[in-house]
């Protein structure tokens, strides 16, 4: 019984404390998370702007296509 108590006490003492290196308080919390999300959002918006600019230049370079069906000229159907 005494051995079991010693093993239990040793296990509790060994488990107390933090495992790993210390973490700076500037990297933990809400403010750093918000800043990181803002940076990601800005990067995403920049990529979208680049894609939109590329699509716009491609569309401007492309010549308008002729319609496949020739439409009749517009004429009034009935006048009073």
N, C-alpha and C. Protein backbone atom coordinates (compact mmCIF):
# COMPACT_ATOMS: atom_id res chain seq x y z
N UNK A 1 0.82 -1.18 0.00
CA UNK A 1 0.00 0.00 0.00
C UNK A 1 0.87 1.25 0.00
N UNK A 2 1.95 1.18 0.74
CA UNK A 2 2.85 2.33 0.82
C UNK A 2 3.51 2.59 -0.54
N UNK A 3 3.85 1.54 -1.24
CA UNK A 3 4.48 1.66 -2.55
C UNK A 3 3.49 2.29 -3.53
N UNK A 4 2.24 1.87 -3.44
CA UNK A 4 1.22 2.43 -4.33
C UNK A 4 1.04 3.93 -4.07
N UNK A 5 1.06 4.33 -2.83
CA UNK A 5 0.95 5.74 -2.47
C UNK A 5 2.13 6.54 -2.98
N UNK A 6 3.33 6.00 -2.87
CA UNK A 6 4.54 6.67 -3.37
C UNK A 6 4.49 6.81 -4.89
N UNK A 7 4.02 5.79 -5.57
CA UNK A 7 3.93 5.85 -7.04
C UNK A 7 2.90 6.89 -7.47
N UNK A 8 1.80 6.95 -6.73
CA UNK A 8 0.76 7.93 -7.05
C UNK A 8 1.28 9.34 -6.80
N UNK A 9 1.97 9.57 -5.72
CA UNK A 9 2.52 10.89 -5.41
C UNK A 9 3.58 11.28 -6.43
N UNK A 10 4.43 10.36 -6.82
CA UNK A 10 5.47 10.64 -7.81
C UNK A 10 4.82 10.98 -9.16
N UNK A 11 3.78 10.27 -9.51
CA UNK A 11 3.08 10.55 -10.76
C UNK A 11 2.43 11.92 -10.76
N UNK A 12 1.82 12.31 -9.64
CA UNK A 12 1.19 13.63 -9.55
C UNK A 12 2.23 14.73 -9.59
N UNK A 13 3.36 14.55 -8.93
CA UNK A 13 4.41 15.56 -8.94
C UNK A 13 5.04 15.69 -10.32
N UNK A 14 5.18 14.61 -11.01
CA UNK A 14 5.78 14.65 -12.35
C UNK A 14 4.83 15.31 -13.35
N UNK A 15 3.52 15.18 -13.11
CA UNK A 15 2.57 15.74 -14.07
C UNK A 15 2.30 17.22 -13.84
N UNK A 16 2.74 17.77 -12.74
CA UNK A 16 2.54 19.21 -12.48
C UNK A 16 3.52 20.01 -13.32
N UNK A 17 3.08 21.14 -13.85
CA UNK A 17 3.94 21.99 -14.64
C UNK A 17 3.57 21.96 -16.11
N UNK A 18 4.26 22.77 -16.86
CA UNK A 18 3.98 22.92 -18.29
C UNK A 18 5.01 22.13 -19.08
N UNK A 19 4.55 21.41 -20.06
CA UNK A 19 5.45 20.65 -20.92
C UNK A 19 5.77 21.50 -22.13
N UNK A 20 7.02 21.70 -22.45
CA UNK A 20 7.42 22.45 -23.62
C UNK A 20 8.01 23.80 -23.27
N UNK A 21 8.48 24.49 -24.28
CA UNK A 21 9.10 25.80 -24.04
C UNK A 21 8.05 26.85 -23.68
N UNK A 22 8.45 27.92 -23.05
CA UNK A 22 7.50 28.96 -22.70
C UNK A 22 6.97 29.68 -23.96
N UNK A 23 5.75 30.18 -23.87
CA UNK A 23 5.11 30.85 -24.98
C UNK A 23 5.00 32.34 -24.66
N UNK A 24 5.40 33.17 -25.60
CA UNK A 24 5.33 34.61 -25.38
C UNK A 24 3.88 35.05 -25.32
N UNK A 25 3.53 35.98 -24.44
CA UNK A 25 2.14 36.40 -24.34
C UNK A 25 1.66 37.17 -25.57
N UNK A 26 2.57 37.69 -26.39
CA UNK A 26 2.16 38.42 -27.59
C UNK A 26 1.59 37.50 -28.66
N UNK A 27 1.87 36.20 -28.57
CA UNK A 27 1.42 35.26 -29.59
C UNK A 27 0.16 34.51 -29.19
N UNK A 28 -0.36 34.77 -27.99
CA UNK A 28 -1.53 34.06 -27.49
C UNK A 28 -2.64 35.06 -27.23
N UNK A 29 -3.84 34.72 -27.61
CA UNK A 29 -4.98 35.58 -27.31
C UNK A 29 -5.75 35.96 -28.55
N UNK A 30 -6.65 36.91 -28.37
CA UNK A 30 -7.56 37.31 -29.44
C UNK A 30 -6.90 38.27 -30.42
N UNK A 31 -6.13 39.22 -29.93
CA UNK A 31 -5.53 40.24 -30.80
C UNK A 31 -4.60 39.64 -31.87
N UNK A 32 -3.69 38.72 -31.51
CA UNK A 32 -2.85 38.11 -32.56
C UNK A 32 -3.66 37.29 -33.56
N UNK A 33 -4.71 36.65 -33.07
CA UNK A 33 -5.56 35.86 -33.97
C UNK A 33 -6.26 36.77 -34.97
N UNK A 34 -6.77 37.90 -34.51
CA UNK A 34 -7.44 38.84 -35.40
C UNK A 34 -6.46 39.41 -36.41
N UNK A 35 -5.26 39.74 -35.96
CA UNK A 35 -4.24 40.28 -36.87
C UNK A 35 -3.88 39.26 -37.95
N UNK A 36 -3.75 38.00 -37.55
CA UNK A 36 -3.41 36.95 -38.51
C UNK A 36 -4.54 36.78 -39.53
N UNK A 37 -5.78 36.83 -39.07
CA UNK A 37 -6.92 36.70 -39.98
C UNK A 37 -7.02 37.88 -40.93
N UNK A 38 -6.69 39.08 -40.46
CA UNK A 38 -6.69 40.25 -41.33
C UNK A 38 -5.65 40.12 -42.43
N UNK A 39 -4.46 39.63 -42.08
CA UNK A 39 -3.42 39.43 -43.08
C UNK A 39 -3.86 38.41 -44.12
N UNK A 40 -4.48 37.33 -43.67
CA UNK A 40 -4.96 36.31 -44.61
C UNK A 40 -6.04 36.89 -45.52
N UNK A 41 -6.94 37.69 -44.96
CA UNK A 41 -8.02 38.30 -45.75
C UNK A 41 -7.45 39.27 -46.78
N UNK A 42 -6.46 40.07 -46.39
CA UNK A 42 -5.85 41.01 -47.33
C UNK A 42 -5.14 40.27 -48.47
N UNK A 43 -4.47 39.17 -48.14
CA UNK A 43 -3.80 38.39 -49.17
C UNK A 43 -4.83 37.79 -50.14
N UNK A 44 -5.93 37.31 -49.59
CA UNK A 44 -6.99 36.74 -50.44
C UNK A 44 -7.60 37.79 -51.35
N UNK A 45 -7.85 39.00 -50.80
CA UNK A 45 -8.41 40.07 -51.61
C UNK A 45 -7.44 40.51 -52.70
N UNK A 46 -6.15 40.52 -52.40
CA UNK A 46 -5.15 40.90 -53.41
C UNK A 46 -5.15 39.88 -54.55
N UNK A 47 -5.26 38.60 -54.22
CA UNK A 47 -5.30 37.57 -55.26
C UNK A 47 -6.55 37.73 -56.12
N UNK A 48 -7.68 38.04 -55.48
CA UNK A 48 -8.92 38.20 -56.23
C UNK A 48 -8.84 39.41 -57.15
N UNK A 49 -8.21 40.51 -56.68
CA UNK A 49 -8.05 41.68 -57.53
C UNK A 49 -7.17 41.37 -58.73
N UNK A 50 -6.10 40.60 -58.51
CA UNK A 50 -5.21 40.23 -59.62
C UNK A 50 -5.96 39.39 -60.64
N UNK A 51 -6.75 38.43 -60.17
CA UNK A 51 -7.51 37.59 -61.08
C UNK A 51 -8.54 38.41 -61.86
N UNK A 52 -9.18 39.37 -61.18
CA UNK A 52 -10.17 40.21 -61.85
C UNK A 52 -9.50 41.09 -62.90
N UNK A 53 -8.31 41.60 -62.60
CA UNK A 53 -7.59 42.43 -63.57
C UNK A 53 -7.17 41.60 -64.78
N UNK A 54 -6.73 40.37 -64.55
CA UNK A 54 -6.35 39.49 -65.66
C UNK A 54 -7.56 39.17 -66.53
N UNK A 55 -8.68 38.88 -65.90
CA UNK A 55 -9.90 38.57 -66.65
C UNK A 55 -10.36 39.78 -67.45
N UNK A 56 -10.21 40.96 -66.88
CA UNK A 56 -10.62 42.18 -67.56
C UNK A 56 -9.75 42.44 -68.79
N UNK A 57 -8.45 42.22 -68.67
CA UNK A 57 -7.56 42.43 -69.82
C UNK A 57 -7.82 41.38 -70.90
N UNK A 58 -8.09 40.16 -70.49
CA UNK A 58 -8.40 39.12 -71.48
C UNK A 58 -9.70 39.45 -72.21
N UNK A 59 -10.67 39.96 -71.48
CA UNK A 59 -11.95 40.30 -72.09
C UNK A 59 -11.80 41.49 -73.04
N UNK A 60 -10.95 42.44 -72.69
CA UNK A 60 -10.74 43.60 -73.54
C UNK A 60 -9.99 43.22 -74.81
N UNK A 61 -9.09 42.26 -74.71
CA UNK A 61 -8.31 41.83 -75.87
C UNK A 61 -9.15 41.01 -76.85
N UNK A 62 -10.14 40.33 -76.33
CA UNK A 62 -10.97 39.48 -77.16
C UNK A 62 -11.87 40.33 -78.05
N UNK A 63 -11.96 39.99 -79.32
CA UNK A 63 -12.80 40.73 -80.25
C UNK A 63 -14.25 40.28 -80.09
N UNK A 64 -15.18 41.20 -80.27
CA UNK A 64 -16.59 40.79 -80.16
C UNK A 64 -16.94 39.82 -81.29
N UNK A 65 -17.69 38.82 -80.95
CA UNK A 65 -18.07 37.80 -81.93
C UNK A 65 -19.36 38.21 -82.64
N UNK A 66 -19.46 37.83 -83.88
CA UNK A 66 -20.67 38.09 -84.65
C UNK A 66 -21.76 37.14 -84.17
N UNK A 67 -22.99 37.61 -84.10
CA UNK A 67 -24.07 36.69 -83.70
C UNK A 67 -24.28 35.64 -84.80
N UNK A 68 -24.61 34.44 -84.38
CA UNK A 68 -24.79 33.35 -85.33
C UNK A 68 -26.07 33.51 -86.14
N UNK A 69 -27.08 34.10 -85.55
CA UNK A 69 -28.37 34.27 -86.22
C UNK A 69 -28.50 35.73 -86.62
N UNK A 70 -28.75 35.96 -87.90
CA UNK A 70 -28.94 37.32 -88.37
C UNK A 70 -30.36 37.76 -88.00
N UNK A 71 -30.48 38.82 -87.25
CA UNK A 71 -31.78 39.29 -86.81
C UNK A 71 -32.34 40.27 -87.83
N UNK A 72 -33.65 40.28 -88.04
CA UNK A 72 -34.24 41.24 -88.99
C UNK A 72 -34.17 42.65 -88.41
N UNK A 73 -34.22 43.66 -89.28
CA UNK A 73 -34.19 45.03 -88.76
C UNK A 73 -35.45 45.33 -87.96
N UNK A 74 -35.32 46.23 -87.03
CA UNK A 74 -36.47 46.59 -86.18
C UNK A 74 -37.44 47.46 -86.97
N UNK A 75 -38.66 47.02 -87.05
CA UNK A 75 -39.71 47.77 -87.72
C UNK A 75 -40.95 47.76 -86.85
N UNK A 76 -41.70 48.85 -86.85
CA UNK A 76 -42.92 48.83 -86.05
C UNK A 76 -43.91 47.82 -86.59
N UNK A 77 -44.57 47.14 -85.70
CA UNK A 77 -45.52 46.11 -86.10
C UNK A 77 -46.84 46.76 -86.51
N UNK A 78 -47.30 47.70 -85.74
CA UNK A 78 -48.57 48.35 -86.05
C UNK A 78 -48.50 49.78 -85.53
N UNK A 79 -48.97 50.71 -86.35
CA UNK A 79 -48.98 52.11 -85.93
C UNK A 79 -50.38 52.64 -85.96
N UNK A 80 -50.66 53.64 -85.18
CA UNK A 80 -52.00 54.24 -85.17
C UNK A 80 -51.97 55.59 -85.77
